[in-house]
């Protein structure tokens, strides 16, 4: 199970993932099949990137290669929502051609985050495309697509007990609300291993908030958010390396990151800002 994290701020969008790909070994344990390859793909003309958790490979099909194949298509698309819709429809089409042996084999989620130009501002948005029904990752539903910024920062958050849609949070006033909110805060969105990852991510965030309260927090620039999005993944990876029994580790390998600024600058310590 991959862990991925995305931070939305007024300075940048920041992504981080581990690089483990594992498969069951038949004895209740897992074999590590990959520990270096990225799970982040950039879409330069859209000022956006995507990363995934869940399904990595099935037979000859793999999620990273499929996302890379979408780069050329993205150059023909002018808006982030149009591209998010394309990813949803294209992935649904791919899944219709794959014969999954077990239902849970096709569990997948994709973070697509980038900028939308609205009323003179480049405003960040996070789309999530997933067929997981909840964060237990043990129940699936139909593949669905949601906007996540407004519904996460609004004062009156809509209930997730009801199906959300791509249109919720898309109104111009809602997008402006997000833009204003981000001037004094930032949004985090994590997926992967909720039991191990979320408490650590919350601890890191609370520590940063404490430093801010005692006026010891460094300037919140792009490098700050890169470090903040990576640190929980680095900690979970190190803990599993040090404490997991052999064959049970699911998170690790090279940590990948990328940041995207409103003017479209991609930066990465792991080389994920290179476009081919």
C-alpha atoms as a PDB file:
ATOM      1  CA  UNK A   1       0.000   0.000   0.000  1.00  0.00           C
ATOM      2  CA  UNK A   2       1.508   3.270  -1.157  1.00  0.00           C
ATOM      3  CA  UNK A   3       1.285   6.376   1.003  1.00  0.00           C
ATOM      4  CA  UNK A   4       0.834   9.653  -0.843  1.00  0.00           C
ATOM      5  CA  UNK A   5       0.412  13.180   0.438  1.00  0.00           C
ATOM      6  CA  UNK A   6      -0.582  16.466  -1.170  1.00  0.00           C
ATOM      7  CA  UNK A   7      -0.434  19.949   0.333  1.00  0.00           C
ATOM      8  CA  UNK A   8      -2.328  22.884  -1.168  1.00  0.00           C
ATOM      9  CA  UNK A   9      -1.030  26.311  -0.155  1.00  0.00           C
ATOM     10  CA  UNK A  10      -0.806  29.855  -1.477  1.00  0.00           C
ATOM     11  CA  UNK A  11       2.878  29.279  -2.303  1.00  0.00           C
ATOM     12  CA  UNK A  12       2.665  25.965  -4.134  1.00  0.00           C
ATOM     13  CA  UNK A  13       1.112  22.566  -4.516  1.00  0.00           C
ATOM     14  CA  UNK A  14       3.412  19.926  -2.994  1.00  0.00           C
ATOM     15  CA  UNK A  15       3.284  16.159  -3.585  1.00  0.00           C
ATOM     16  CA  UNK A  16       5.211  13.291  -2.002  1.00  0.00           C
ATOM     17  CA  UNK A  17       5.046   9.500  -2.275  1.00  0.00           C
ATOM     18  CA  UNK A  18       7.069   6.457  -1.343  1.00  0.00           C
ATOM     19  CA  UNK A  19       8.108   4.096  -4.161  1.00  0.00           C
ATOM     20  CA  UNK A  20       7.394   0.586  -2.882  1.00  0.00           C
ATOM     21  CA  UNK A  21       5.340  -1.707  -5.073  1.00  0.00           C
ATOM     22  CA  UNK A  22       4.594  -4.988  -3.313  1.00  0.00           C
ATOM     23  CA  UNK A  23       2.622  -8.129  -4.082  1.00  0.00           C
ATOM     24  CA  UNK A  24       1.317 -10.925  -1.824  1.00  0.00           C
ATOM     25  CA  UNK A  25       3.761 -13.825  -1.550  1.00  0.00           C
ATOM     26  CA  UNK A  26       1.105 -16.429  -0.727  1.00  0.00           C
ATOM     27  CA  UNK A  27       2.077 -16.905   2.912  1.00  0.00           C
ATOM     28  CA  UNK A  28       0.446 -13.759   4.251  1.00  0.00           C
ATOM     29  CA  UNK A  29       3.547 -11.659   3.586  1.00  0.00           C
ATOM     30  CA  UNK A  30       4.518  -9.376   0.687  1.00  0.00           C
ATOM     31  CA  UNK A  31       7.356  -9.299  -1.805  1.00  0.00           C
ATOM     32  CA  UNK A  32       8.893  -5.953  -2.754  1.00  0.00           C
ATOM     33  CA  UNK A  33       8.753  -5.651  -6.555  1.00  0.00           C
ATOM     34  CA  UNK A  34       9.845  -2.012  -6.920  1.00  0.00           C
ATOM     35  CA  UNK A  35      11.579   0.474  -4.618  1.00  0.00           C
ATOM     36  CA  UNK A  36      12.832   3.304  -6.844  1.00  0.00           C
ATOM     37  CA  UNK A  37      10.313   4.263  -9.532  1.00  0.00           C
ATOM     38  CA  UNK A  38       8.243   7.401  -9.087  1.00  0.00           C
ATOM     39  CA  UNK A  39       4.484   7.453  -8.650  1.00  0.00           C
ATOM     40  CA  UNK A  40       4.214  11.123  -9.683  1.00  0.00           C
ATOM     41  CA  UNK A  41       3.578  12.336 -13.245  1.00  0.00           C
ATOM     42  CA  UNK A  42       3.630  16.014 -14.209  1.00  0.00           C
ATOM     43  CA  UNK A  43       1.422  17.741 -16.788  1.00  0.00           C
ATOM     44  CA  UNK A  44       3.356  20.878 -17.559  1.00  0.00           C
ATOM     45  CA  UNK A  45       0.880  22.789 -19.717  1.00  0.00           C
ATOM     46  CA  UNK A  46      -1.846  22.361 -17.067  1.00  0.00           C
ATOM     47  CA  UNK A  47       0.429  23.364 -14.159  1.00  0.00           C
ATOM     48  CA  UNK A  48      -0.579  20.058 -12.600  1.00  0.00           C
ATOM     49  CA  UNK A  49       0.637  16.638 -11.508  1.00  0.00           C
ATOM     50  CA  UNK A  50      -0.900  13.329 -10.503  1.00  0.00           C
ATOM     51  CA  UNK A  51       0.121  10.606  -8.076  1.00  0.00           C
ATOM     52  CA  UNK A  52      -1.594   7.356  -7.173  1.00  0.00           C
ATOM     53  CA  UNK A  53      -2.159   4.812  -4.428  1.00  0.00           C
ATOM     54  CA  UNK A  54      -3.603   1.310  -4.531  1.00  0.00           C
ATOM     55  CA  UNK A  55      -3.360  -0.630  -7.795  1.00  0.00           C
ATOM     56  CA  UNK A  56       0.135  -0.324  -9.295  1.00  0.00           C
ATOM     57  CA  UNK A  57       0.301  -3.281 -11.705  1.00  0.00           C
ATOM     58  CA  UNK A  58      -2.067  -5.899 -13.040  1.00  0.00           C
ATOM     59  CA  UNK A  59      -0.661  -8.280 -15.612  1.00  0.00           C
ATOM     60  CA  UNK A  60       1.042  -6.164 -18.278  1.00  0.00           C
ATOM     61  CA  UNK A  61      -0.898  -3.024 -17.304  1.00  0.00           C
ATOM     62  CA  UNK A  62       0.591  -0.544 -14.813  1.00  0.00           C
ATOM     63  CA  UNK A  63      -0.699   2.720 -13.425  1.00  0.00           C
ATOM     64  CA  UNK A  64       2.496   4.756 -13.775  1.00  0.00           C
ATOM     65  CA  UNK A  65       2.913   3.938 -17.474  1.00  0.00           C
ATOM     66  CA  UNK A  66      -0.766   4.672 -18.050  1.00  0.00           C
ATOM     67  CA  UNK A  67      -0.435   8.080 -16.390  1.00  0.00           C
ATOM     68  CA  UNK A  68       2.667   8.796 -18.483  1.00  0.00           C
ATOM     69  CA  UNK A  69       0.613   7.997 -21.583  1.00  0.00           C
ATOM     70  CA  UNK A  70      -1.803  10.768 -20.592  1.00  0.00           C
ATOM     71  CA  UNK A  71       0.890  13.462 -20.804  1.00  0.00           C
ATOM     72  CA  UNK A  72       0.564  13.799 -24.577  1.00  0.00           C
ATOM     73  CA  UNK A  73      -3.221  13.943 -24.302  1.00  0.00           C
ATOM     74  CA  UNK A  74      -2.984  16.636 -21.614  1.00  0.00           C
ATOM     75  CA  UNK A  75      -1.229  18.943 -24.085  1.00  0.00           C
ATOM     76  CA  UNK A  76      -4.448  18.997 -26.115  1.00  0.00           C
ATOM     77  CA  UNK A  77      -6.636  19.907 -23.122  1.00  0.00           C
ATOM     78  CA  UNK A  78      -6.961  23.458 -21.837  1.00  0.00           C
ATOM     79  CA  UNK A  79      -8.554  23.159 -18.382  1.00  0.00           C
ATOM     80  CA  UNK A  80      -7.827  21.099 -15.290  1.00  0.00           C
ATOM     81  CA  UNK A  81     -11.451  19.987 -14.855  1.00  0.00           C
ATOM     82  CA  UNK A  82     -11.607  18.790 -18.470  1.00  0.00           C
ATOM     83  CA  UNK A  83      -8.438  16.763 -17.919  1.00  0.00           C
ATOM     84  CA  UNK A  84      -9.720  15.354 -14.609  1.00  0.00           C
ATOM     85  CA  UNK A  85     -12.856  14.209 -16.421  1.00  0.00           C
ATOM     86  CA  UNK A  86     -10.719  12.661 -19.150  1.00  0.00           C
ATOM     87  CA  UNK A  87      -8.666  10.713 -16.576  1.00  0.00           C
ATOM     88  CA  UNK A  88     -11.829   9.405 -14.942  1.00  0.00           C
ATOM     89  CA  UNK A  89     -13.378   8.280 -18.231  1.00  0.00           C
ATOM     90  CA  UNK A  90     -10.145   6.832 -19.615  1.00  0.00           C
ATOM     91  CA  UNK A  91      -9.442   4.881 -16.425  1.00  0.00           C
ATOM     92  CA  UNK A  92     -13.000   3.519 -16.407  1.00  0.00           C
ATOM     93  CA  UNK A  93     -12.446   2.357 -19.969  1.00  0.00           C
ATOM     94  CA  UNK A  94      -9.150   0.667 -19.039  1.00  0.00           C
ATOM     95  CA  UNK A  95     -10.756  -1.170 -16.129  1.00  0.00           C
ATOM     96  CA  UNK A  96     -13.538  -2.460 -18.364  1.00  0.00           C
ATOM     97  CA  UNK A  97     -10.867  -4.313 -20.380  1.00  0.00           C
ATOM     98  CA  UNK A  98      -9.037  -5.841 -17.407  1.00  0.00           C
ATOM     99  CA  UNK A  99     -10.323  -9.081 -15.917  1.00  0.00           C
ATOM    100  CA  UNK A 100      -9.637  -8.719 -12.206  1.00  0.00           C
ATOM    101  CA  UNK A 101      -9.483 -12.001 -10.310  1.00  0.00           C
ATOM    102  CA  UNK A 102     -10.403 -10.413  -6.985  1.00  0.00           C
ATOM    103  CA  UNK A 103     -12.629  -7.349  -6.655  1.00  0.00           C
ATOM    104  CA  UNK A 104     -10.208  -5.560  -4.312  1.00  0.00           C
ATOM    105  CA  UNK A 105      -7.389  -5.971  -6.861  1.00  0.00           C
ATOM    106  CA  UNK A 106      -8.760  -2.980  -8.750  1.00  0.00           C
ATOM    107  CA  UNK A 107      -8.817  -0.612  -5.773  1.00  0.00           C
ATOM    108  CA  UNK A 108      -7.137   2.622  -6.875  1.00  0.00           C
ATOM    109  CA  UNK A 109      -6.972   6.327  -6.143  1.00  0.00           C
ATOM    110  CA  UNK A 110      -5.392   9.252  -7.983  1.00  0.00           C
ATOM    111  CA  UNK A 111      -4.621  12.752  -6.726  1.00  0.00           C
ATOM    112  CA  UNK A 112      -4.680  15.262  -9.590  1.00  0.00           C
ATOM    113  CA  UNK A 113      -3.739  18.734  -8.363  1.00  0.00           C
ATOM    114  CA  UNK A 114      -3.043  21.852 -10.382  1.00  0.00           C
ATOM    115  CA  UNK A 115      -4.172  25.394 -11.071  1.00  0.00           C
ATOM    116  CA  UNK A 116      -7.284  26.905 -12.624  1.00  0.00           C
ATOM    117  CA  UNK A 117      -7.226  30.450 -14.012  1.00  0.00           C
ATOM    118  CA  UNK A 118     -10.300  32.193 -12.667  1.00  0.00           C
ATOM    119  CA  UNK A 119     -11.106  35.896 -12.522  1.00  0.00           C
ATOM    120  CA  UNK A 120      -7.442  36.905 -12.806  1.00  0.00           C
ATOM    121  CA  UNK A 121      -6.054  34.362 -10.297  1.00  0.00           C
ATOM    122  CA  UNK A 122      -4.342  30.994 -10.580  1.00  0.00           C
ATOM    123  CA  UNK A 123      -6.254  29.053  -7.916  1.00  0.00           C
ATOM    124  CA  UNK A 124      -5.130  25.549  -6.865  1.00  0.00           C
ATOM    125  CA  UNK A 125      -7.486  22.584  -6.920  1.00  0.00           C
ATOM    126  CA  UNK A 126      -7.214  18.929  -5.942  1.00  0.00           C
ATOM    127  CA  UNK A 127      -9.289  16.343  -7.793  1.00  0.00           C
ATOM    128  CA  UNK A 128      -9.489  12.811  -6.429  1.00  0.00           C
ATOM    129  CA  UNK A 129     -10.448   9.931  -8.704  1.00  0.00           C
ATOM    130  CA  UNK A 130     -11.022   6.696  -6.799  1.00  0.00           C
ATOM    131  CA  UNK A 131     -13.163   3.599  -6.488  1.00  0.00           C
ATOM    132  CA  UNK A 132     -12.539   3.186  -2.764  1.00  0.00           C
ATOM    133  CA  UNK A 133     -15.755   3.611  -0.792  1.00  0.00           C
ATOM    134  CA  UNK A 134     -13.989   4.682   2.419  1.00  0.00           C
ATOM    135  CA  UNK A 135     -10.557   4.988   4.007  1.00  0.00           C
ATOM    136  CA  UNK A 136     -10.582   1.428   5.297  1.00  0.00           C
ATOM    137  CA  UNK A 137      -9.673   0.549   1.678  1.00  0.00           C
ATOM    138  CA  UNK A 138     -11.602  -2.701   2.120  1.00  0.00           C
ATOM    139  CA  UNK A 139     -14.744  -1.592   0.271  1.00  0.00           C
ATOM    140  CA  UNK A 140     -15.056  -0.524  -3.352  1.00  0.00           C
ATOM    141  CA  UNK A 141     -17.666   1.419  -5.263  1.00  0.00           C
ATOM    142  CA  UNK A 142     -17.891   2.826  -8.783  1.00  0.00           C
ATOM    143  CA  UNK A 143     -15.014   5.011  -9.939  1.00  0.00           C
ATOM    144  CA  UNK A 144     -15.892   8.584  -8.990  1.00  0.00           C
ATOM    145  CA  UNK A 145     -14.335  12.034  -9.254  1.00  0.00           C
ATOM    146  CA  UNK A 146     -14.496  14.829  -6.672  1.00  0.00           C
ATOM    147  CA  UNK A 147     -13.120  18.318  -6.077  1.00  0.00           C
ATOM    148  CA  UNK A 148     -11.538  18.493  -2.637  1.00  0.00           C
ATOM    149  CA  UNK A 149     -10.386  22.027  -1.767  1.00  0.00           C
ATOM    150  CA  UNK A 150     -13.632  23.831  -1.001  1.00  0.00           C
ATOM    151  CA  UNK A 151     -15.314  20.860   0.677  1.00  0.00           C
ATOM    152  CA  UNK A 152     -12.307  20.533   3.000  1.00  0.00           C
ATOM    153  CA  UNK A 153     -11.861  24.196   3.978  1.00  0.00           C
ATOM    154  CA  UNK A 154     -15.449  25.501   3.946  1.00  0.00           C
ATOM    155  CA  UNK A 155     -17.051  26.392   7.257  1.00  0.00           C
ATOM    156  CA  UNK A 156     -20.102  24.276   6.434  1.00  0.00           C
ATOM    157  CA  UNK A 157     -18.545  21.125   5.014  1.00  0.00           C
ATOM    158  CA  UNK A 158     -20.857  18.818   3.040  1.00  0.00           C
ATOM    159  CA  UNK A 159     -21.346  15.339   4.470  1.00  0.00           C
ATOM    160  CA  UNK A 160     -19.340  12.567   2.815  1.00  0.00           C
ATOM    161  CA  UNK A 161     -22.137  10.158   3.649  1.00  0.00           C
ATOM    162  CA  UNK A 162     -23.808  11.454   0.507  1.00  0.00           C
ATOM    163  CA  UNK A 163     -22.148  11.095  -2.932  1.00  0.00           C
ATOM    164  CA  UNK A 164     -20.080  14.129  -3.836  1.00  0.00           C
ATOM    165  CA  UNK A 165     -19.610  15.319  -7.401  1.00  0.00           C
ATOM    166  CA  UNK A 166     -17.050  17.148  -9.498  1.00  0.00           C
ATOM    167  CA  UNK A 167     -19.324  20.204  -9.511  1.00  0.00           C
ATOM    168  CA  UNK A 168     -19.332  20.670  -5.740  1.00  0.00           C
ATOM    169  CA  UNK A 169     -16.853  23.421  -4.968  1.00  0.00           C
ATOM    170  CA  UNK A 170     -16.587  24.566  -8.605  1.00  0.00           C
ATOM    171  CA  UNK A 171     -18.655  27.749  -8.334  1.00  0.00           C
ATOM    172  CA  UNK A 172     -16.590  30.920  -8.842  1.00  0.00           C
ATOM    173  CA  UNK A 173     -17.416  32.237  -5.378  1.00  0.00           C
ATOM    174  CA  UNK A 174     -16.415  28.919  -3.821  1.00  0.00           C
ATOM    175  CA  UNK A 175     -13.127  28.971  -5.720  1.00  0.00           C
ATOM    176  CA  UNK A 176     -12.501  32.561  -4.565  1.00  0.00           C
ATOM    177  CA  UNK A 177     -13.231  31.453  -1.004  1.00  0.00           C
ATOM    178  CA  UNK A 178     -10.485  28.822  -1.326  1.00  0.00           C
ATOM    179  CA  UNK A 179      -8.078  31.434  -2.683  1.00  0.00           C
ATOM    180  CA  UNK A 180      -8.719  33.740   0.278  1.00  0.00           C
ATOM    181  CA  UNK A 181      -8.594  30.902   2.818  1.00  0.00           C
ATOM    182  CA  UNK A 182      -5.176  29.821   1.600  1.00  0.00           C
ATOM    183  CA  UNK A 183      -3.715  33.250   2.405  1.00  0.00           C
ATOM    184  CA  UNK A 184      -3.750  32.251   6.079  1.00  0.00           C
ATOM    185  CA  UNK A 185      -3.682  28.455   5.967  1.00  0.00           C
ATOM    186  CA  UNK A 186      -2.911  25.351   3.938  1.00  0.00           C
ATOM    187  CA  UNK A 187      -4.719  22.099   3.223  1.00  0.00           C
ATOM    188  CA  UNK A 188      -3.295  18.584   3.535  1.00  0.00           C
ATOM    189  CA  UNK A 189      -4.721  15.488   1.894  1.00  0.00           C
ATOM    190  CA  UNK A 190      -3.286  12.030   2.562  1.00  0.00           C
ATOM    191  CA  UNK A 191      -4.126   8.544   1.336  1.00  0.00           C
ATOM    192  CA  UNK A 192      -2.625   5.124   1.796  1.00  0.00           C
ATOM    193  CA  UNK A 193      -2.142   3.579   5.228  1.00  0.00           C
ATOM    194  CA  UNK A 194      -4.470   5.522   7.568  1.00  0.00           C
ATOM    195  CA  UNK A 195      -3.568   3.624  10.749  1.00  0.00           C
ATOM    196  CA  UNK A 196       0.185   4.255  10.492  1.00  0.00           C
ATOM    197  CA  UNK A 197       0.312   7.362   8.338  1.00  0.00           C
ATOM    198  CA  UNK A 198      -2.396   9.706   9.593  1.00  0.00           C
ATOM    199  CA  UNK A 199      -1.301   9.901  13.274  1.00  0.00           C
ATOM    200  CA  UNK A 200       2.272  10.657  12.198  1.00  0.00           C
ATOM    201  CA  UNK A 201       1.145  13.260   9.662  1.00  0.00           C
ATOM    202  CA  UNK A 202      -1.005  14.932  12.326  1.00  0.00           C
ATOM    203  CA  UNK A 203       1.905  14.932  14.780  1.00  0.00           C
ATOM    204  CA  UNK A 204       4.201  16.609  12.239  1.00  0.00           C
ATOM    205  CA  UNK A 205       1.548  19.227  11.442  1.00  0.00           C
ATOM    206  CA  UNK A 206       0.846  19.886  15.114  1.00  0.00           C
ATOM    207  CA  UNK A 207       4.569  20.316  15.761  1.00  0.00           C
ATOM    208  CA  UNK A 208       4.739  22.881  12.960  1.00  0.00           C
ATOM    209  CA  UNK A 209       1.719  24.682  14.426  1.00  0.00           C
ATOM    210  CA  UNK A 210       3.414  24.728  17.841  1.00  0.00           C
ATOM    211  CA  UNK A 211       6.535  26.284  16.321  1.00  0.00           C
ATOM    212  CA  UNK A 212       4.316  28.907  14.708  1.00  0.00           C
ATOM    213  CA  UNK A 213       2.605  29.626  18.029  1.00  0.00           C
ATOM    214  CA  UNK A 214       5.923  30.262  19.763  1.00  0.00           C
ATOM    215  CA  UNK A 215       7.174  32.258  16.754  1.00  0.00           C
ATOM    216  CA  UNK A 216       9.964  29.845  15.823  1.00  0.00           C
ATOM    217  CA  UNK A 217       8.540  28.606  12.520  1.00  0.00           C
ATOM    218  CA  UNK A 218      10.601  29.381   9.436  1.00  0.00           C
ATOM    219  CA  UNK A 219       9.105  31.253   6.484  1.00  0.00           C
ATOM    220  CA  UNK A 220       6.467  29.151   4.758  1.00  0.00           C
ATOM    221  CA  UNK A 221       8.009  29.058   1.303  1.00  0.00           C
ATOM    222  CA  UNK A 222       8.154  26.313  -1.337  1.00  0.00           C
ATOM    223  CA  UNK A 223      10.970  24.459   0.459  1.00  0.00           C
ATOM    224  CA  UNK A 224       8.983  24.535   3.702  1.00  0.00           C
ATOM    225  CA  UNK A 225       6.023  22.813   2.063  1.00  0.00           C
ATOM    226  CA  UNK A 226       8.251  20.284   0.291  1.00  0.00           C
ATOM    227  CA  UNK A 227       9.754  19.280   3.634  1.00  0.00           C
ATOM    228  CA  UNK A 228       6.351  19.240   5.327  1.00  0.00           C
ATOM    229  CA  UNK A 229       4.745  16.961   2.733  1.00  0.00           C
ATOM    230  CA  UNK A 230       7.701  14.536   2.711  1.00  0.00           C
ATOM    231  CA  UNK A 231       8.448  14.213   6.423  1.00  0.00           C
ATOM    232  CA  UNK A 232       5.533  11.953   7.474  1.00  0.00           C
ATOM    233  CA  UNK A 233       6.307   9.550   4.605  1.00  0.00           C
ATOM    234  CA  UNK A 234       9.980   9.505   5.582  1.00  0.00           C
ATOM    235  CA  UNK A 235       9.041   8.701   9.187  1.00  0.00           C
ATOM    236  CA  UNK A 236       6.610   5.906   8.273  1.00  0.00           C
ATOM    237  CA  UNK A 237       9.186   4.427   5.893  1.00  0.00           C
ATOM    238  CA  UNK A 238      11.893   4.493   8.566  1.00  0.00           C
ATOM    239  CA  UNK A 239       9.578   3.012  11.213  1.00  0.00           C
ATOM    240  CA  UNK A 240       8.580   0.122   8.962  1.00  0.00           C
ATOM    241  CA  UNK A 241      12.226  -0.441   8.027  1.00  0.00           C
ATOM    242  CA  UNK A 242      13.238  -0.585  11.682  1.00  0.00           C
ATOM    243  CA  UNK A 243      10.274  -2.370  13.257  1.00  0.00           C
ATOM    244  CA  UNK A 244       8.375  -4.494  10.714  1.00  0.00           C
ATOM    245  CA  UNK A 245       8.844  -8.243  10.555  1.00  0.00           C
ATOM    246  CA  UNK A 246      10.449  -9.510   7.366  1.00  0.00           C
ATOM    247  CA  UNK A 247       7.932  -9.646   4.528  1.00  0.00           C
ATOM    248  CA  UNK A 248       5.410  -7.285   6.139  1.00  0.00           C
ATOM    249  CA  UNK A 249       6.800  -3.902   5.137  1.00  0.00           C
ATOM    250  CA  UNK A 250       4.563  -2.015   2.671  1.00  0.00           C
ATOM    251  CA  UNK A 251       6.017   1.523   2.677  1.00  0.00           C
ATOM    252  CA  UNK A 252       9.545   2.505   1.716  1.00  0.00           C
ATOM    253  CA  UNK A 253      12.098   2.951  -1.019  1.00  0.00           C
ATOM    254  CA  UNK A 254      12.999   6.269  -2.556  1.00  0.00           C
ATOM    255  CA  UNK A 255      10.813   9.204  -1.503  1.00  0.00           C
ATOM    256  CA  UNK A 256       9.632  11.237  -4.484  1.00  0.00           C
ATOM    257  CA  UNK A 257       8.434  14.833  -4.408  1.00  0.00           C
ATOM    258  CA  UNK A 258       7.411  17.672  -6.676  1.00  0.00           C
ATOM    259  CA  UNK A 259       6.191  21.216  -6.088  1.00  0.00           C
ATOM    260  CA  UNK A 260       4.276  23.422  -8.524  1.00  0.00           C
ATOM    261  CA  UNK A 261       3.961  27.184  -8.093  1.00  0.00           C
ATOM    262  CA  UNK A 262       1.108  29.326  -9.462  1.00  0.00           C
ATOM    263  CA  UNK A 263       3.341  30.549 -12.303  1.00  0.00           C
ATOM    264  CA  UNK A 264       3.905  26.962 -13.420  1.00  0.00           C
ATOM    265  CA  UNK A 265       7.383  26.297 -12.022  1.00  0.00           C
ATOM    266  CA  UNK A 266       8.017  22.618 -11.231  1.00  0.00           C
ATOM    267  CA  UNK A 267      10.742  21.780  -8.699  1.00  0.00           C
ATOM    268  CA  UNK A 268      11.801  18.428  -7.266  1.00  0.00           C
ATOM    269  CA  UNK A 269      14.596  16.954  -5.163  1.00  0.00           C
ATOM    270  CA  UNK A 270      13.934  13.546  -6.738  1.00  0.00           C
ATOM    271  CA  UNK A 271      13.976  14.542 -10.406  1.00  0.00           C
ATOM    272  CA  UNK A 272      10.208  14.460 -10.840  1.00  0.00           C
ATOM    273  CA  UNK A 273      10.211  17.899 -12.505  1.00  0.00           C
ATOM    274  CA  UNK A 274      11.784  16.517 -15.691  1.00  0.00           C
ATOM    275  CA  UNK A 275       9.502  16.130 -18.690  1.00  0.00           C
ATOM    276  CA  UNK A 276      10.190  13.720 -21.502  1.00  0.00           C
END
